[in-house]
PDB file of all heavy atoms in Angstrom:
ATOM      1  N   ARG A   1       0.836  -1.206   0.000  1.00  0.00           N
ATOM      2  CA  ARG A   1       0.000   0.000   0.000  1.00  0.00           C
ATOM      3  C   ARG A   1       0.870   1.254   0.000  1.00  0.00           C
ATOM      4  O   ARG A   1       0.397   2.338   0.315  1.00  0.00           O
ATOM      5  CB  ARG A   1      -0.896  -0.002   1.239  1.00  0.00           C
ATOM      6  CG  ARG A   1      -1.941  -1.105   1.240  1.00  0.00           C
ATOM      7  CD  ARG A   1      -2.614  -1.224   2.599  1.00  0.00           C
ATOM      8  NE  ARG A   1      -3.056   0.052   3.101  1.00  0.00           N
ATOM      9  CZ  ARG A   1      -3.299   0.307   4.391  1.00  0.00           C
ATOM     10  NH1 ARG A   1      -3.118  -0.647   5.287  1.00  0.00           N
ATOM     11  NH2 ARG A   1      -3.701   1.492   4.779  1.00  0.00           N
ATOM     12  N   PHE A   2       2.139   1.102  -0.384  1.00  0.00           N
ATOM     13  CA  PHE A   2       3.083   2.212  -0.277  1.00  0.00           C
ATOM     14  C   PHE A   2       2.609   3.441  -1.043  1.00  0.00           C
ATOM     15  O   PHE A   2       2.624   4.551  -0.516  1.00  0.00           O
ATOM     16  CB  PHE A   2       4.453   1.774  -0.801  1.00  0.00           C
ATOM     17  CG  PHE A   2       5.472   2.881  -0.849  1.00  0.00           C
ATOM     18  CD1 PHE A   2       6.109   3.294   0.302  1.00  0.00           C
ATOM     19  CD2 PHE A   2       5.762   3.521  -2.046  1.00  0.00           C
ATOM     20  CE1 PHE A   2       7.050   4.311   0.265  1.00  0.00           C
ATOM     21  CE2 PHE A   2       6.696   4.542  -2.098  1.00  0.00           C
ATOM     22  CZ  PHE A   2       7.343   4.926  -0.938  1.00  0.00           C
ATOM     23  N   ARG A   3       2.197   3.272  -2.304  1.00  0.00           N
ATOM     24  CA  ARG A   3       1.826   4.427  -3.108  1.00  0.00           C
ATOM     25  C   ARG A   3       0.620   5.146  -2.522  1.00  0.00           C
ATOM     26  O   ARG A   3       0.576   6.374  -2.464  1.00  0.00           O
ATOM     27  CB  ARG A   3       1.538   4.009  -4.549  1.00  0.00           C
ATOM     28  CG  ARG A   3       1.193   5.181  -5.461  1.00  0.00           C
ATOM     29  CD  ARG A   3       1.062   4.733  -6.896  1.00  0.00           C
ATOM     30  NE  ARG A   3       2.326   4.254  -7.417  1.00  0.00           N
ATOM     31  CZ  ARG A   3       3.268   5.057  -7.898  1.00  0.00           C
ATOM     32  NH1 ARG A   3       3.090   6.370  -7.889  1.00  0.00           N
ATOM     33  NH2 ARG A   3       4.386   4.562  -8.378  1.00  0.00           N
ATOM     34  N   GLU A   4      -0.365   4.372  -2.069  1.00  0.00           N
ATOM     35  CA  GLU A   4      -1.553   4.975  -1.473  1.00  0.00           C
ATOM     36  C   GLU A   4      -1.191   5.840  -0.277  1.00  0.00           C
ATOM     37  O   GLU A   4      -1.688   6.959  -0.124  1.00  0.00           O
ATOM     38  CB  GLU A   4      -2.520   3.869  -1.050  1.00  0.00           C
ATOM     39  CG  GLU A   4      -3.745   4.352  -0.277  1.00  0.00           C
ATOM     40  CD  GLU A   4      -4.551   3.192   0.284  1.00  0.00           C
ATOM     41  OE1 GLU A   4      -4.394   2.064  -0.209  1.00  0.00           O
ATOM     42  OE2 GLU A   4      -5.335   3.438   1.218  1.00  0.00           O
ATOM     43  N   GLN A   5      -0.313   5.340   0.581  1.00  0.00           N
ATOM     44  CA  GLN A   5       0.069   6.092   1.771  1.00  0.00           C
ATOM     45  C   GLN A   5       0.954   7.280   1.420  1.00  0.00           C
ATOM     46  O   GLN A   5       0.869   8.341   2.034  1.00  0.00           O
ATOM     47  CB  GLN A   5       0.770   5.151   2.752  1.00  0.00           C
ATOM     48  CG  GLN A   5      -0.181   4.154   3.364  1.00  0.00           C
ATOM     49  CD  GLN A   5       0.505   2.863   3.748  1.00  0.00           C
ATOM     50  OE1 GLN A   5       1.617   2.589   3.326  1.00  0.00           O
ATOM     51  NE2 GLN A   5      -0.170   2.044   4.549  1.00  0.00           N
ATOM     52  N   GLN A   6       1.829   7.102   0.401  1.00  0.00           N
ATOM     53  CA  GLN A   6       2.679   8.198  -0.027  1.00  0.00           C
ATOM     54  C   GLN A   6       1.840   9.370  -0.530  1.00  0.00           C
ATOM     55  O   GLN A   6       2.149  10.539  -0.267  1.00  0.00           O
ATOM     56  CB  GLN A   6       3.628   7.711  -1.124  1.00  0.00           C
ATOM     57  CG  GLN A   6       4.678   8.722  -1.561  1.00  0.00           C
ATOM     58  CD  GLN A   6       5.523   8.184  -2.688  1.00  0.00           C
ATOM     59  OE1 GLN A   6       4.989   7.681  -3.673  1.00  0.00           O
ATOM     60  NE2 GLN A   6       6.828   8.268  -2.560  1.00  0.00           N
ATOM     61  N   GLU A   7       0.765   9.050  -1.250  1.00  0.00           N
ATOM     62  CA  GLU A   7      -0.075  10.094  -1.813  1.00  0.00           C
ATOM     63  C   GLU A   7      -0.808  10.890  -0.734  1.00  0.00           C
ATOM     64  O   GLU A   7      -1.263  12.000  -0.992  1.00  0.00           O
ATOM     65  CB  GLU A   7      -1.095   9.485  -2.788  1.00  0.00           C
ATOM     66  CG  GLU A   7      -0.478   8.858  -4.026  1.00  0.00           C
ATOM     67  CD  GLU A   7       0.166   9.876  -4.946  1.00  0.00           C
ATOM     68  OE1 GLU A   7      -0.170  11.060  -4.833  1.00  0.00           O
ATOM     69  OE2 GLU A   7       1.017   9.466  -5.763  1.00  0.00           O
ATOM     70  N   LEU A   8      -0.932  10.327   0.472  1.00  0.00           N
ATOM     71  CA  LEU A   8      -1.566  11.077   1.553  1.00  0.00           C
ATOM     72  C   LEU A   8      -0.777  12.335   1.888  1.00  0.00           C
ATOM     73  O   LEU A   8      -1.331  13.322   2.385  1.00  0.00           O
ATOM     74  CB  LEU A   8      -1.674  10.198   2.805  1.00  0.00           C
ATOM     75  CG  LEU A   8      -2.664   9.034   2.762  1.00  0.00           C
ATOM     76  CD1 LEU A   8      -2.517   8.177   4.006  1.00  0.00           C
ATOM     77  CD2 LEU A   8      -4.094   9.543   2.621  1.00  0.00           C
ATOM     78  N   ILE A   9       0.522  12.313   1.646  1.00  0.00           N
ATOM     79  CA  ILE A   9       1.380  13.444   2.009  1.00  0.00           C
ATOM     80  C   ILE A   9       1.934  14.115   0.775  1.00  0.00           C
ATOM     81  O   ILE A   9       1.657  15.278   0.500  1.00  0.00           O
ATOM     82  CB  ILE A   9       2.515  12.977   2.942  1.00  0.00           C
ATOM     83  CG1 ILE A   9       1.932  12.438   4.254  1.00  0.00           C
ATOM     84  CG2 ILE A   9       3.479  14.120   3.230  1.00  0.00           C
ATOM     85  CD1 ILE A   9       2.959  11.914   5.226  1.00  0.00           C
ATOM     86  N   ALA A  10       2.750  13.394  -0.003  1.00  0.00           N
ATOM     87  CA  ALA A  10       3.370  13.994  -1.190  1.00  0.00           C
ATOM     88  C   ALA A  10       3.770  12.890  -2.148  1.00  0.00           C
ATOM     89  O   ALA A  10       4.601  12.048  -1.813  1.00  0.00           O
ATOM     90  CB  ALA A  10       4.586  14.826  -0.801  1.00  0.00           C
ATOM     91  N   GLY A  11       3.191  12.890  -3.333  1.00  0.00           N
ATOM     92  CA  GLY A  11       3.539  11.905  -4.332  1.00  0.00           C
ATOM     93  C   GLY A  11       4.895  12.193  -4.957  1.00  0.00           C
ATOM     94  O   GLY A  11       5.417  13.317  -4.875  1.00  0.00           O
ATOM     95  N   TYR A  12       5.445  11.196  -5.627  1.00  0.00           N
ATOM     96  CA  TYR A  12       6.775  11.329  -6.227  1.00  0.00           C
ATOM     97  C   TYR A  12       6.852  12.505  -7.188  1.00  0.00           C
ATOM     98  O   TYR A  12       7.869  13.191  -7.264  1.00  0.00           O
ATOM     99  CB  TYR A  12       7.131  10.029  -6.944  1.00  0.00           C
ATOM    100  CG  TYR A  12       8.346  10.143  -7.820  1.00  0.00           C
ATOM    101  CD1 TYR A  12       9.620  10.099  -7.270  1.00  0.00           C
ATOM    102  CD2 TYR A  12       8.226  10.319  -9.200  1.00  0.00           C
ATOM    103  CE1 TYR A  12      10.750  10.227  -8.072  1.00  0.00           C
ATOM    104  CE2 TYR A  12       9.342  10.443 -10.000  1.00  0.00           C
ATOM    105  CZ  TYR A  12      10.601  10.399  -9.436  1.00  0.00           C
ATOM    106  OH  TYR A  12      11.708  10.534 -10.232  1.00  0.00           O
ATOM    107  N   GLU A  13       5.780  12.741  -7.932  1.00  0.00           N
ATOM    108  CA  GLU A  13       5.810  13.807  -8.931  1.00  0.00           C
ATOM    109  C   GLU A  13       5.990  15.192  -8.322  1.00  0.00           C
ATOM    110  O   GLU A  13       6.378  16.142  -9.013  1.00  0.00           O
ATOM    111  CB  GLU A  13       4.531  13.782  -9.775  1.00  0.00           C
ATOM    112  CG  GLU A  13       3.258  14.185  -9.044  1.00  0.00           C
ATOM    113  CD  GLU A  13       2.677  13.059  -8.172  1.00  0.00           C
ATOM    114  OE1 GLU A  13       3.226  11.934  -8.210  1.00  0.00           O
ATOM    115  OE2 GLU A  13       1.689  13.323  -7.452  1.00  0.00           O
ATOM    116  N   VAL A  14       5.746  15.313  -7.026  1.00  0.00           N
ATOM    117  CA  VAL A  14       5.886  16.613  -6.364  1.00  0.00           C
ATOM    118  C   VAL A  14       7.350  16.989  -6.191  1.00  0.00           C
ATOM    119  O   VAL A  14       7.733  18.153  -6.344  1.00  0.00           O
ATOM    120  CB  VAL A  14       5.180  16.584  -4.986  1.00  0.00           C
ATOM    121  CG1 VAL A  14       5.473  17.853  -4.198  1.00  0.00           C
ATOM    122  CG2 VAL A  14       3.677  16.408  -5.168  1.00  0.00           C
ATOM    123  N   TYR A  15       8.194  16.003  -5.859  1.00  0.00           N
ATOM    124  CA  TYR A  15       9.590  16.319  -5.560  1.00  0.00           C
ATOM    125  C   TYR A  15      10.587  15.695  -6.529  1.00  0.00           C
ATOM    126  O   TYR A  15      11.681  16.223  -6.734  1.00  0.00           O
ATOM    127  CB  TYR A  15       9.936  15.879  -4.128  1.00  0.00           C
ATOM    128  CG  TYR A  15       9.676  14.423  -3.865  1.00  0.00           C
ATOM    129  CD1 TYR A  15      10.610  13.444  -4.191  1.00  0.00           C
ATOM    130  CD2 TYR A  15       8.477  14.000  -3.291  1.00  0.00           C
ATOM    131  CE1 TYR A  15      10.365  12.102  -3.956  1.00  0.00           C
ATOM    132  CE2 TYR A  15       8.225  12.658  -3.056  1.00  0.00           C
ATOM    133  CZ  TYR A  15       9.166  11.714  -3.387  1.00  0.00           C
ATOM    134  OH  TYR A  15       8.926  10.385  -3.161  1.00  0.00           O
ATOM    135  N   GLY A  16      10.253  14.569  -7.149  1.00  0.00           N
ATOM    136  CA  GLY A  16      11.201  13.843  -7.981  1.00  0.00           C
ATOM    137  C   GLY A  16      11.837  14.660  -9.086  1.00  0.00           C
ATOM    138  O   GLY A  16      13.079  14.732  -9.191  1.00  0.00           O
ATOM    139  N   PRO A  17      11.046  15.322  -9.950  1.00  0.00           N
ATOM    140  CA  PRO A  17      11.653  16.102 -11.032  1.00  0.00           C
ATOM    141  C   PRO A  17      12.536  17.243 -10.528  1.00  0.00           C
ATOM    142  O   PRO A  17      13.561  17.559 -11.158  1.00  0.00           O
ATOM    143  CB  PRO A  17      10.429  16.644 -11.791  1.00  0.00           C
ATOM    144  CG  PRO A  17       9.338  15.662 -11.488  1.00  0.00           C
ATOM    145  CD  PRO A  17       9.579  15.241 -10.069  1.00  0.00           C
ATOM    146  N   GLN A  18      12.178  17.838  -9.396  1.00  0.00           N
ATOM    147  CA  GLN A  18      12.995  18.933  -8.865  1.00  0.00           C
ATOM    148  C   GLN A  18      14.332  18.419  -8.335  1.00  0.00           C
ATOM    149  O   GLN A  18      15.369  19.067  -8.500  1.00  0.00           O
ATOM    150  CB  GLN A  18      12.237  19.663  -7.757  1.00  0.00           C
ATOM    151  CG  GLN A  18      10.977  20.361  -8.244  1.00  0.00           C
ATOM    152  CD  GLN A  18      10.332  21.189  -7.154  1.00  0.00           C
ATOM    153  OE1 GLN A  18      10.779  22.282  -6.818  1.00  0.00           O
ATOM    154  NE2 GLN A  18       9.257  20.662  -6.579  1.00  0.00           N
ATOM    155  N   VAL A  19      14.320  17.247  -7.700  1.00  0.00           N
ATOM    156  CA  VAL A  19      15.576  16.650  -7.247  1.00  0.00           C
ATOM    157  C   VAL A  19      16.459  16.334  -8.450  1.00  0.00           C
ATOM    158  O   VAL A  19      17.669  16.579  -8.441  1.00  0.00           O
ATOM    159  CB  VAL A  19      15.311  15.381  -6.410  1.00  0.00           C
ATOM    160  CG1 VAL A  19      16.627  14.701  -6.032  1.00  0.00           C
ATOM    161  CG2 VAL A  19      14.515  15.722  -5.147  1.00  0.00           C
ATOM    162  N   ALA A  20      15.861  15.808  -9.503  1.00  0.00           N
ATOM    163  CA  ALA A  20      16.625  15.445 -10.700  1.00  0.00           C
ATOM    164  C   ALA A  20      17.328  16.657 -11.297  1.00  0.00           C
ATOM    165  O   ALA A  20      18.448  16.549 -11.815  1.00  0.00           O
ATOM    166  CB  ALA A  20      15.703  14.796 -11.727  1.00  0.00           C
ATOM    167  N   GLN A  21      16.701  17.805 -11.231  1.00  0.00           N
ATOM    168  CA  GLN A  21      17.304  19.014 -11.796  1.00  0.00           C
ATOM    169  C   GLN A  21      18.568  19.431 -11.051  1.00  0.00           C
ATOM    170  O   GLN A  21      19.411  20.140 -11.613  1.00  0.00           O
ATOM    171  CB  GLN A  21      16.295  20.162 -11.776  1.00  0.00           C
ATOM    172  CG  GLN A  21      15.156  19.980 -12.774  1.00  0.00           C
ATOM    173  CD  GLN A  21      14.147  21.110 -12.709  1.00  0.00           C
ATOM    174  OE1 GLN A  21      14.314  22.083 -11.970  1.00  0.00           O
ATOM    175  NE2 GLN A  21      13.083  20.997 -13.488  1.00  0.00           N
ATOM    176  N   LEU A  22      18.712  19.003  -9.805  1.00  0.00           N
ATOM    177  CA  LEU A  22      19.875  19.397  -9.005  1.00  0.00           C
ATOM    178  C   LEU A  22      21.035  18.414  -9.123  1.00  0.00           C
ATOM    179  O   LEU A  22      22.117  18.678  -8.594  1.00  0.00           O
ATOM    180  CB  LEU A  22      19.475  19.530  -7.530  1.00  0.00           C
ATOM    181  CG  LEU A  22      18.444  20.613  -7.194  1.00  0.00           C
ATOM    182  CD1 LEU A  22      18.124  20.590  -5.698  1.00  0.00           C
ATOM    183  CD2 LEU A  22      18.928  21.985  -7.605  1.00  0.00           C
ATOM    184  N   LEU A  23      20.839  17.289  -9.805  1.00  0.00           N
ATOM    185  CA  LEU A  23      21.890  16.288  -9.903  1.00  0.00           C
ATOM    186  C   LEU A  23      23.104  16.811 -10.662  1.00  0.00           C
ATOM    187  O   LEU A  23      22.976  17.403 -11.735  1.00  0.00           O
ATOM    188  CB  LEU A  23      21.364  15.038 -10.612  1.00  0.00           C
ATOM    189  CG  LEU A  23      20.523  14.059  -9.788  1.00  0.00           C
ATOM    190  CD1 LEU A  23      19.854  13.049 -10.715  1.00  0.00           C
ATOM    191  CD2 LEU A  23      21.363  13.363  -8.729  1.00  0.00           C
ATOM    192  N   ASN A  24      24.277  16.586 -10.101  1.00  0.00           N
ATOM    193  CA  ASN A  24      25.529  16.893 -10.785  1.00  0.00           C
ATOM    194  C   ASN A  24      26.003  15.659 -11.546  1.00  0.00           C
ATOM    195  O   ASN A  24      25.774  14.533 -11.103  1.00  0.00           O
ATOM    196  CB  ASN A  24      26.601  17.318  -9.784  1.00  0.00           C
ATOM    197  CG  ASN A  24      26.299  18.662  -9.152  1.00  0.00           C
ATOM    198  OD1 ASN A  24      25.586  19.487  -9.714  1.00  0.00           O
ATOM    199  ND2 ASN A  24      26.836  18.885  -7.965  1.00  0.00           N
ATOM    200  N   PRO A  25      26.669  15.834 -12.675  1.00  0.00           N
ATOM    201  CA  PRO A  25      27.172  14.669 -13.412  1.00  0.00           C
ATOM    202  C   PRO A  25      28.251  13.933 -12.638  1.00  0.00           C
ATOM    203  O   PRO A  25      28.987  14.531 -11.845  1.00  0.00           O
ATOM    204  CB  PRO A  25      27.727  15.281 -14.707  1.00  0.00           C
ATOM    205  CG  PRO A  25      28.037  16.698 -14.346  1.00  0.00           C
ATOM    206  CD  PRO A  25      27.016  17.105 -13.327  1.00  0.00           C
ATOM    207  N   GLY A  26      28.358  12.633 -12.830  1.00  0.00           N
ATOM    208  CA  GLY A  26      29.369  11.833 -12.149  1.00  0.00           C
ATOM    209  C   GLY A  26      29.319  10.399 -12.628  1.00  0.00           C
ATOM    210  O   GLY A  26      28.521  10.040 -13.504  1.00  0.00           O
ATOM    211  N   ALA A  27      30.155   9.558 -12.043  1.00  0.00           N
ATOM    212  CA  ALA A  27      30.236   8.159 -12.465  1.00  0.00           C
ATOM    213  C   ALA A  27      29.322   7.255 -11.649  1.00  0.00           C
ATOM    214  O   ALA A  27      28.737   6.307 -12.181  1.00  0.00           O
ATOM    215  CB  ALA A  27      31.682   7.670 -12.355  1.00  0.00           C
TER     216      ALA A  27
END
């Protein structure tokens, strides 16, 4: 039931793309 419970607070789409924008290149 992980996704259902996650959506109670903040779904991945809320933070995931913003975190991705901050990634620095590396190995």
